Amino acid sequence: MRFLVLQHIPIEHPGVFRDFMREDGIAWDAVELDEGEAIPPLGGYDAVISMGGPMDVFEEDEYPWLADEKAAIREAVRKREMPFLGVCLGHQMLADALGGRVERMAGAEVGVLTVELTEAGRADPLLAGLDSPVTCLQWHGCAVTALPEGGVALASSPVCAIQSFRVGRRAWGIQYHVEQTPTTVDEWGAVPAYAASLENTLGPGSLAPFAAETARNMPGFNRDARVLYENFVGVVRGRG
């Protein structure tokens, strides 16, 4: 199998999923959209994964390649019915590309927090095996506020009603992060936009405590990431 990974900043890569894919012998190609790399033809891939980034879906004037990615998402999901997984910005891109709505939140959602699975989420093939509530890492200032046609909400939090959704049988968006590794928080904390949202939400000097809390929860994060990964690969292989 070969996966196509759409990246919007080099440090927002598949994270721990890289280890899982290597163990399974799954090849993957990263396209660094923010560096001008073009999206290749989708026919050579078994699935598409779209990662996070500091830009917003409605900033096409500043980041024209966002329009190209949305077109590729529409082709992958609507035309080809390929398995698709969007994380954070990728989750928002899936919604926006297919006619949903993404808006800036009143305040960013940042920290080690929890989300609750909906009834549909507890029965969903991607989220099967996860406990609810799910303890997760959050770091975002926009949210999906309206689902695209055919979308089903799978998880929510008090300040973000659509933390995960599915479109059709094989395309998912997840707002919260599942891919984090021991270096993630420090790396993301060096991005000015992320540092600002962190300090505005958790206060000055909050990076080190946030990193420590993330480290304490890393075994659970990685366990849940493994569940999601295996469920997604099962869908790609035709079991879901």
C-alpha atoms as a PDB file:
ATOM      1  CA  MET A   1       0.000   0.000   0.000  1.00  0.00           C
ATOM      2  CA  ARG A   2       1.001   3.614  -0.511  1.00  0.00           C
ATOM      3  CA  PHE A   3      -0.474   6.645   1.259  1.00  0.00           C
ATOM      4  CA  LEU A   4      -0.361  10.278   0.159  1.00  0.00           C
ATOM      5  CA  VAL A   5       0.258  12.713   3.035  1.00  0.00           C
ATOM      6  CA  LEU A   6      -0.569  16.402   2.546  1.00  0.00           C
ATOM      7  CA  GLN A   7       1.559  18.588   4.824  1.00  0.00           C
ATOM      8  CA  HIS A   8       1.196  22.323   5.441  1.00  0.00           C
ATOM      9  CA  ILE A   9       4.306  22.887   7.564  1.00  0.00           C
ATOM     10  CA  PRO A  10       7.255  20.491   7.884  1.00  0.00           C
ATOM     11  CA  ILE A  11       6.865  19.846  11.621  1.00  0.00           C
ATOM     12  CA  GLU A  12       3.219  18.775  11.251  1.00  0.00           C
ATOM     13  CA  HIS A  13       3.837  15.339   9.813  1.00  0.00           C
ATOM     14  CA  PRO A  14       2.188  11.979  10.610  1.00  0.00           C
ATOM     15  CA  GLY A  15       4.133  11.744  13.874  1.00  0.00           C
ATOM     16  CA  VAL A  16       3.796   8.369  15.560  1.00  0.00           C
ATOM     17  CA  PHE A  17       1.873   7.098  12.525  1.00  0.00           C
ATOM     18  CA  ARG A  18       5.252   7.046  10.743  1.00  0.00           C
ATOM     19  CA  ASP A  19       6.364   4.287  13.120  1.00  0.00           C
ATOM     20  CA  PHE A  20       3.176   2.309  12.538  1.00  0.00           C
ATOM     21  CA  MET A  21       3.436   2.605   8.754  1.00  0.00           C
ATOM     22  CA  ARG A  22       7.073   1.543   8.809  1.00  0.00           C
ATOM     23  CA  GLU A  23       6.211  -1.504  10.915  1.00  0.00           C
ATOM     24  CA  ASP A  24       3.459  -2.454   8.447  1.00  0.00           C
ATOM     25  CA  GLY A  25       5.555  -1.860   5.349  1.00  0.00           C
ATOM     26  CA  ILE A  26       3.224   0.913   4.133  1.00  0.00           C
ATOM     27  CA  ALA A  27       4.973   3.397   1.850  1.00  0.00           C
ATOM     28  CA  TRP A  28       3.972   7.047   2.043  1.00  0.00           C
ATOM     29  CA  ASP A  29       4.782  10.190   0.104  1.00  0.00           C
ATOM     30  CA  ALA A  30       4.661  13.612   1.768  1.00  0.00           C
ATOM     31  CA  VAL A  31       3.735  16.660  -0.306  1.00  0.00           C
ATOM     32  CA  GLU A  32       4.902  19.889   1.378  1.00  0.00           C
ATOM     33  CA  LEU A  33       2.244  22.217   0.023  1.00  0.00           C
ATOM     34  CA  ASP A  34       3.586  25.315   1.779  1.00  0.00           C
ATOM     35  CA  GLU A  35       6.881  24.872  -0.092  1.00  0.00           C
ATOM     36  CA  GLY A  36       5.198  24.794  -3.487  1.00  0.00           C
ATOM     37  CA  GLU A  37       5.193  21.036  -4.061  1.00  0.00           C
ATOM     38  CA  ALA A  38       2.440  19.859  -6.372  1.00  0.00           C
ATOM     39  CA  ILE A  39      -0.120  17.213  -5.464  1.00  0.00           C
ATOM     40  CA  PRO A  40       0.559  14.142  -7.628  1.00  0.00           C
ATOM     41  CA  PRO A  41      -2.164  12.178  -9.439  1.00  0.00           C
ATOM     42  CA  LEU A  42      -4.241  10.342  -6.863  1.00  0.00           C
ATOM     43  CA  GLY A  43      -4.514   7.135  -8.864  1.00  0.00           C
ATOM     44  CA  GLY A  44      -1.253   5.806  -7.464  1.00  0.00           C
ATOM     45  CA  TYR A  45      -2.402   5.912  -3.847  1.00  0.00           C
ATOM     46  CA  ASP A  46      -4.598   3.813  -1.586  1.00  0.00           C
ATOM     47  CA  ALA A  47      -5.464   6.598   0.885  1.00  0.00           C
ATOM     48  CA  VAL A  48      -4.971  10.317   1.529  1.00  0.00           C
ATOM     49  CA  ILE A  49      -4.048  11.893   4.881  1.00  0.00           C
ATOM     50  CA  SER A  50      -4.114  15.669   5.440  1.00  0.00           C
ATOM     51  CA  MET A  51      -2.246  17.039   8.453  1.00  0.00           C
ATOM     52  CA  GLY A  52      -2.404  20.261  10.474  1.00  0.00           C
ATOM     53  CA  GLY A  53      -0.934  23.707   9.955  1.00  0.00           C
ATOM     54  CA  PRO A  54      -1.055  27.313  11.215  1.00  0.00           C
ATOM     55  CA  MET A  55      -2.973  28.682   8.224  1.00  0.00           C
ATOM     56  CA  ASP A  56      -6.790  28.735   7.991  1.00  0.00           C
ATOM     57  CA  VAL A  57      -9.027  27.277   5.292  1.00  0.00           C
ATOM     58  CA  PHE A  58     -10.330  30.712   4.301  1.00  0.00           C
ATOM     59  CA  GLU A  59      -6.848  32.209   3.653  1.00  0.00           C
ATOM     60  CA  GLU A  60      -6.622  31.265  -0.012  1.00  0.00           C
ATOM     61  CA  ASP A  61      -5.425  34.767  -0.986  1.00  0.00           C
ATOM     62  CA  GLU A  62      -2.324  34.284   1.182  1.00  0.00           C
ATOM     63  CA  TYR A  63      -1.976  30.547   0.530  1.00  0.00           C
ATOM     64  CA  PRO A  64      -3.280  29.867  -3.004  1.00  0.00           C
ATOM     65  CA  TRP A  65      -2.388  26.175  -2.757  1.00  0.00           C
ATOM     66  CA  LEU A  66      -5.265  25.709  -0.326  1.00  0.00           C
ATOM     67  CA  ALA A  67      -7.588  25.778  -3.360  1.00  0.00           C
ATOM     68  CA  ASP A  68      -5.558  23.008  -5.008  1.00  0.00           C
ATOM     69  CA  GLU A  69      -5.779  20.878  -1.890  1.00  0.00           C
ATOM     70  CA  LYS A  70      -9.533  21.370  -1.636  1.00  0.00           C
ATOM     71  CA  ALA A  71      -9.903  20.268  -5.245  1.00  0.00           C
ATOM     72  CA  ALA A  72      -7.803  17.171  -4.529  1.00  0.00           C
ATOM     73  CA  ILE A  73      -9.934  16.388  -1.469  1.00  0.00           C
ATOM     74  CA  ARG A  74     -13.107  16.628  -3.531  1.00  0.00           C
ATOM     75  CA  GLU A  75     -11.613  14.301  -6.119  1.00  0.00           C
ATOM     76  CA  ALA A  76     -10.424  11.824  -3.503  1.00  0.00           C
ATOM     77  CA  VAL A  77     -13.615  11.742  -1.441  1.00  0.00           C
ATOM     78  CA  ARG A  78     -16.468  12.465  -3.839  1.00  0.00           C
ATOM     79  CA  LYS A  79     -15.154  11.115  -7.142  1.00  0.00           C
ATOM     80  CA  ARG A  80     -12.813   8.283  -6.162  1.00  0.00           C
ATOM     81  CA  GLU A  81     -14.299   7.425  -2.727  1.00  0.00           C
ATOM     82  CA  MET A  82     -10.778   6.946  -1.384  1.00  0.00           C
ATOM     83  CA  PRO A  83     -10.129   6.463   2.331  1.00  0.00           C
ATOM     84  CA  PHE A  84      -9.300   9.923   3.707  1.00  0.00           C
ATOM     85  CA  LEU A  85      -8.183  11.122   7.127  1.00  0.00           C
ATOM     86  CA  GLY A  86      -7.868  14.815   7.979  1.00  0.00           C
ATOM     87  CA  VAL A  87      -6.307  15.950  11.265  1.00  0.00           C
ATOM     88  CA  CYS A  88      -6.784  19.468  12.703  1.00  0.00           C
ATOM     89  CA  LEU A  89      -6.412  21.720   9.623  1.00  0.00           C
ATOM     90  CA  GLY A  90      -6.974  18.603   7.499  1.00  0.00           C
ATOM     91  CA  HIS A  91     -10.275  18.042   9.329  1.00  0.00           C
ATOM     92  CA  GLN A  92     -11.312  21.615   8.551  1.00  0.00           C
ATOM     93  CA  MET A  93     -10.178  21.286   4.934  1.00  0.00           C
ATOM     94  CA  LEU A  94     -12.361  18.214   4.480  1.00  0.00           C
ATOM     95  CA  ALA A  95     -15.404  20.102   5.755  1.00  0.00           C
ATOM     96  CA  ASP A  96     -14.732  23.248   3.727  1.00  0.00           C
ATOM     97  CA  ALA A  97     -13.879  21.398   0.511  1.00  0.00           C
ATOM     98  CA  LEU A  98     -17.162  19.505   0.580  1.00  0.00           C
ATOM     99  CA  GLY A  99     -19.440  22.451   1.380  1.00  0.00           C
ATOM    100  CA  GLY A 100     -19.355  22.629   5.175  1.00  0.00           C
ATOM    101  CA  ARG A 101     -18.428  25.714   7.196  1.00  0.00           C
ATOM    102  CA  VAL A 102     -15.320  26.575   9.224  1.00  0.00           C
ATOM    103  CA  GLU A 103     -15.189  29.649  11.464  1.00  0.00           C
ATOM    104  CA  ARG A 104     -12.801  31.262  13.898  1.00  0.00           C
ATOM    105  CA  MET A 105     -13.582  30.393  17.510  1.00  0.00           C
ATOM    106  CA  ALA A 106     -14.129  32.976  20.245  1.00  0.00           C
ATOM    107  CA  GLY A 107     -11.054  31.547  21.945  1.00  0.00           C
ATOM    108  CA  ALA A 108      -8.551  28.869  21.019  1.00  0.00           C
ATOM    109  CA  GLU A 109      -8.888  25.351  22.422  1.00  0.00           C
ATOM    110  CA  VAL A 110      -5.428  24.398  23.677  1.00  0.00           C
ATOM    111  CA  GLY A 111      -4.266  21.824  26.199  1.00  0.00           C
ATOM    112  CA  VAL A 112      -4.613  18.225  27.254  1.00  0.00           C
ATOM    113  CA  LEU A 113      -8.399  17.996  27.254  1.00  0.00           C
ATOM    114  CA  THR A 114     -11.179  15.518  26.566  1.00  0.00           C
ATOM    115  CA  VAL A 115     -13.768  14.931  23.861  1.00  0.00           C
ATOM    116  CA  GLU A 116     -16.931  12.866  24.086  1.00  0.00           C
ATOM    117  CA  LEU A 117     -17.917  10.414  21.396  1.00  0.00           C
ATOM    118  CA  THR A 118     -21.433  10.756  20.055  1.00  0.00           C
ATOM    119  CA  GLU A 119     -23.684   7.724  19.681  1.00  0.00           C
ATOM    120  CA  ALA A 120     -22.615   7.570  16.030  1.00  0.00           C
ATOM    121  CA  GLY A 121     -18.984   7.936  17.086  1.00  0.00           C
ATOM    122  CA  ARG A 122     -19.142   4.966  19.433  1.00  0.00           C
ATOM    123  CA  ALA A 123     -20.384   2.839  16.521  1.00  0.00           C
ATOM    124  CA  ASP A 124     -18.003   4.287  13.920  1.00  0.00           C
ATOM    125  CA  PRO A 125     -15.391   2.011  12.307  1.00  0.00           C
ATOM    126  CA  LEU A 126     -12.574   4.563  12.751  1.00  0.00           C
ATOM    127  CA  LEU A 127     -13.241   5.237  16.441  1.00  0.00           C
ATOM    128  CA  ALA A 128     -14.139   1.672  17.445  1.00  0.00           C
ATOM    129  CA  GLY A 129     -12.204   0.608  20.519  1.00  0.00           C
ATOM    130  CA  LEU A 130     -11.709   4.096  21.975  1.00  0.00           C
ATOM    131  CA  ASP A 131     -12.960   4.914  25.437  1.00  0.00           C
ATOM    132  CA  SER A 132     -15.217   7.943  25.884  1.00  0.00           C
ATOM    133  CA  PRO A 133     -14.284  10.539  26.955  1.00  0.00           C
ATOM    134  CA  VAL A 134     -11.077  10.540  24.921  1.00  0.00           C
ATOM    135  CA  THR A 135      -8.120  12.351  26.482  1.00  0.00           C
ATOM    136  CA  CYS A 136      -6.362  14.219  23.698  1.00  0.00           C
ATOM    137  CA  LEU A 137      -4.131  17.118  22.709  1.00  0.00           C
ATOM    138  CA  GLN A 138      -5.878  20.230  21.408  1.00  0.00           C
ATOM    139  CA  TRP A 139      -4.294  23.222  19.678  1.00  0.00           C
ATOM    140  CA  HIS A 140      -6.659  25.072  17.326  1.00  0.00           C
ATOM    141  CA  GLY A 141      -8.414  28.410  16.928  1.00  0.00           C
ATOM    142  CA  CYS A 142     -10.951  27.555  14.210  1.00  0.00           C
ATOM    143  CA  ALA A 143     -13.681  24.954  14.189  1.00  0.00           C
ATOM    144  CA  VAL A 144     -16.054  23.196  11.835  1.00  0.00           C
ATOM    145  CA  THR A 145     -19.425  24.783  12.585  1.00  0.00           C
ATOM    146  CA  ALA A 146     -21.537  23.140   9.864  1.00  0.00           C
ATOM    147  CA  LEU A 147     -21.081  19.708   8.343  1.00  0.00           C
ATOM    148  CA  PRO A 148     -20.960  19.087   4.606  1.00  0.00           C
ATOM    149  CA  GLU A 149     -23.780  17.172   2.975  1.00  0.00           C
ATOM    150  CA  GLY A 150     -23.792  13.622   4.267  1.00  0.00           C
ATOM    151  CA  GLY A 151     -21.589  14.449   7.253  1.00  0.00           C
ATOM    152  CA  VAL A 152     -22.125  12.721  10.604  1.00  0.00           C
ATOM    153  CA  ALA A 153     -20.736  14.173  13.861  1.00  0.00           C
ATOM    154  CA  LEU A 154     -18.687  11.627  15.814  1.00  0.00           C
ATOM    155  CA  ALA A 155     -17.219  13.564  18.759  1.00  0.00           C
ATOM    156  CA  SER A 156     -17.600  16.896  20.554  1.00  0.00           C
ATOM    157  CA  SER A 157     -16.181  19.067  23.319  1.00  0.00           C
ATOM    158  CA  PRO A 158     -17.796  21.884  25.330  1.00  0.00           C
ATOM    159  CA  VAL A 159     -16.359  24.597  23.061  1.00  0.00           C
ATOM    160  CA  CYS A 160     -16.238  22.705  19.752  1.00  0.00           C
ATOM    161  CA  ALA A 161     -19.330  20.743  18.824  1.00  0.00           C
ATOM    162  CA  ILE A 162     -17.747  18.943  15.851  1.00  0.00           C
ATOM    163  CA  GLN A 163     -14.502  17.363  17.044  1.00  0.00           C
ATOM    164  CA  SER A 164     -14.773  14.556  14.508  1.00  0.00           C
ATOM    165  CA  PHE A 165     -17.025  13.676  11.611  1.00  0.00           C
ATOM    166  CA  ARG A 166     -17.395  11.196   8.788  1.00  0.00           C
ATOM    167  CA  VAL A 167     -18.536  11.784   5.217  1.00  0.00           C
ATOM    168  CA  GLY A 168     -19.738   8.728   3.368  1.00  0.00           C
ATOM    169  CA  ARG A 169     -18.181   5.455   4.447  1.00  0.00           C
ATOM    170  CA  ARG A 170     -14.466   6.180   4.196  1.00  0.00           C
ATOM    171  CA  ALA A 171     -13.619   9.846   4.843  1.00  0.00           C
ATOM    172  CA  TRP A 172     -12.991  11.268   8.327  1.00  0.00           C
ATOM    173  CA  GLY A 173     -11.957  14.505   9.960  1.00  0.00           C
ATOM    174  CA  ILE A 174     -10.539  14.720  13.490  1.00  0.00           C
ATOM    175  CA  GLN A 175     -10.046  18.153  15.060  1.00  0.00           C
ATOM    176  CA  TYR A 176      -7.955  17.009  18.000  1.00  0.00           C
ATOM    177  CA  HIS A 177      -4.459  15.602  17.621  1.00  0.00           C
ATOM    178  CA  VAL A 178      -3.662  11.892  17.678  1.00  0.00           C
ATOM    179  CA  GLU A 179      -0.193  11.815  16.092  1.00  0.00           C
ATOM    180  CA  GLN A 180       1.886  13.547  18.775  1.00  0.00           C
ATOM    181  CA  THR A 181       5.341  12.324  19.819  1.00  0.00           C
ATOM    182  CA  PRO A 182       7.617  13.370  22.707  1.00  0.00           C
ATOM    183  CA  THR A 183       8.983  16.299  20.628  1.00  0.00           C
ATOM    184  CA  THR A 184       5.660  17.629  19.306  1.00  0.00           C
ATOM    185  CA  VAL A 185       4.810  20.308  21.876  1.00  0.00           C
ATOM    186  CA  ASP A 186       8.275  21.871  21.892  1.00  0.00           C
ATOM    187  CA  GLU A 187       8.406  21.891  18.077  1.00  0.00           C
ATOM    188  CA  TRP A 188       4.960  23.409  17.698  1.00  0.00           C
ATOM    189  CA  GLY A 189       5.638  25.885  20.484  1.00  0.00           C
ATOM    190  CA  ALA A 190       8.348  27.414  18.270  1.00  0.00           C
ATOM    191  CA  VAL A 191       5.736  28.366  15.639  1.00  0.00           C
ATOM    192  CA  PRO A 192       4.715  31.998  16.373  1.00  0.00           C
ATOM    193  CA  ALA A 193       1.010  31.489  15.722  1.00  0.00           C
ATOM    194  CA  TYR A 194       0.910  28.415  17.949  1.00  0.00           C
ATOM    195  CA  ALA A 195       2.948  30.072  20.695  1.00  0.00           C
ATOM    196  CA  ALA A 196       0.541  33.015  20.716  1.00  0.00           C
ATOM    197  CA  SER A 197      -2.575  30.835  20.988  1.00  0.00           C
ATOM    198  CA  LEU A 198      -0.908  28.794  23.729  1.00  0.00           C
ATOM    199  CA  GLU A 199      -0.035  31.819  25.845  1.00  0.00           C
ATOM    200  CA  ASN A 200      -3.380  33.520  25.201  1.00  0.00           C
ATOM    201  CA  THR A 201      -5.189  30.387  26.362  1.00  0.00           C
ATOM    202  CA  LEU A 202      -2.995  28.916  29.097  1.00  0.00           C
ATOM    203  CA  GLY A 203      -0.965  31.973  30.093  1.00  0.00           C
ATOM    204  CA  PRO A 204       2.651  33.119  29.783  1.00  0.00           C
ATOM    205  CA  GLY A 205       5.243  30.461  30.467  1.00  0.00           C
ATOM    206  CA  SER A 206       2.778  27.652  29.790  1.00  0.00           C
ATOM    207  CA  LEU A 207       4.854  25.764  27.211  1.00  0.00           C
ATOM    208  CA  ALA A 208       6.926  23.752  29.697  1.00  0.00           C
ATOM    209  CA  PRO A 209       3.957  22.642  31.849  1.00  0.00           C
ATOM    210  CA  PHE A 210       2.009  21.785  28.701  1.00  0.00           C
ATOM    211  CA  ALA A 211       4.911  19.690  27.425  1.00  0.00           C
ATOM    212  CA  ALA A 212       5.161  17.923  30.788  1.00  0.00           C
ATOM    213  CA  GLU A 213       1.438  17.139  30.863  1.00  0.00           C
ATOM    214  CA  THR A 214       1.633  15.861  27.300  1.00  0.00           C
ATOM    215  CA  ALA A 215       4.538  13.604  28.272  1.00  0.00           C
ATOM    216  CA  ARG A 216       2.558  12.162  31.193  1.00  0.00           C
ATOM    217  CA  ASN A 217      -0.285  11.307  28.820  1.00  0.00           C
ATOM    218  CA  MET A 218       1.884  10.050  25.960  1.00  0.00           C
ATOM    219  CA  PRO A 219       1.267   6.320  26.605  1.00  0.00           C
ATOM    220  CA  GLY A 220      -2.481   6.864  26.341  1.00  0.00           C
ATOM    221  CA  PHE A 221      -2.114   9.132  23.324  1.00  0.00           C
ATOM    222  CA  ASN A 222      -0.021   6.519  21.528  1.00  0.00           C
ATOM    223  CA  ARG A 223      -2.430   3.741  22.468  1.00  0.00           C
ATOM    224  CA  ASP A 224      -5.370   5.663  20.992  1.00  0.00           C
ATOM    225  CA  ALA A 225      -3.282   6.553  17.925  1.00  0.00           C
ATOM    226  CA  ARG A 226      -2.589   2.870  17.378  1.00  0.00           C
ATOM    227  CA  VAL A 227      -6.327   2.082  17.574  1.00  0.00           C
ATOM    228  CA  LEU A 228      -7.186   4.812  15.056  1.00  0.00           C
ATOM    229  CA  TYR A 229      -4.368   3.790  12.746  1.00  0.00           C
ATOM    230  CA  GLU A 230      -5.311   0.115  12.736  1.00  0.00           C
ATOM    231  CA  ASN A 231      -8.962   0.984  12.185  1.00  0.00           C
ATOM    232  CA  PHE A 232      -8.071   3.274   9.275  1.00  0.00           C
ATOM    233  CA  VAL A 233      -5.783   0.706   7.669  1.00  0.00           C
ATOM    234  CA  GLY A 234      -8.559  -1.848   8.072  1.00  0.00           C
ATOM    235  CA  VAL A 235     -10.847   0.427   6.069  1.00  0.00           C
ATOM    236  CA  VAL A 236      -8.174   0.874   3.400  1.00  0.00           C
ATOM    237  CA  ARG A 237      -7.811  -2.906   3.179  1.00  0.00           C
ATOM    238  CA  GLY A 238     -11.551  -3.255   2.768  1.00  0.00           C
ATOM    239  CA  ARG A 239     -12.476  -4.500   6.211  1.00  0.00           C
ATOM    240  CA  GLY A 240     -14.379  -1.382   7.287  1.00  0.00           C
END
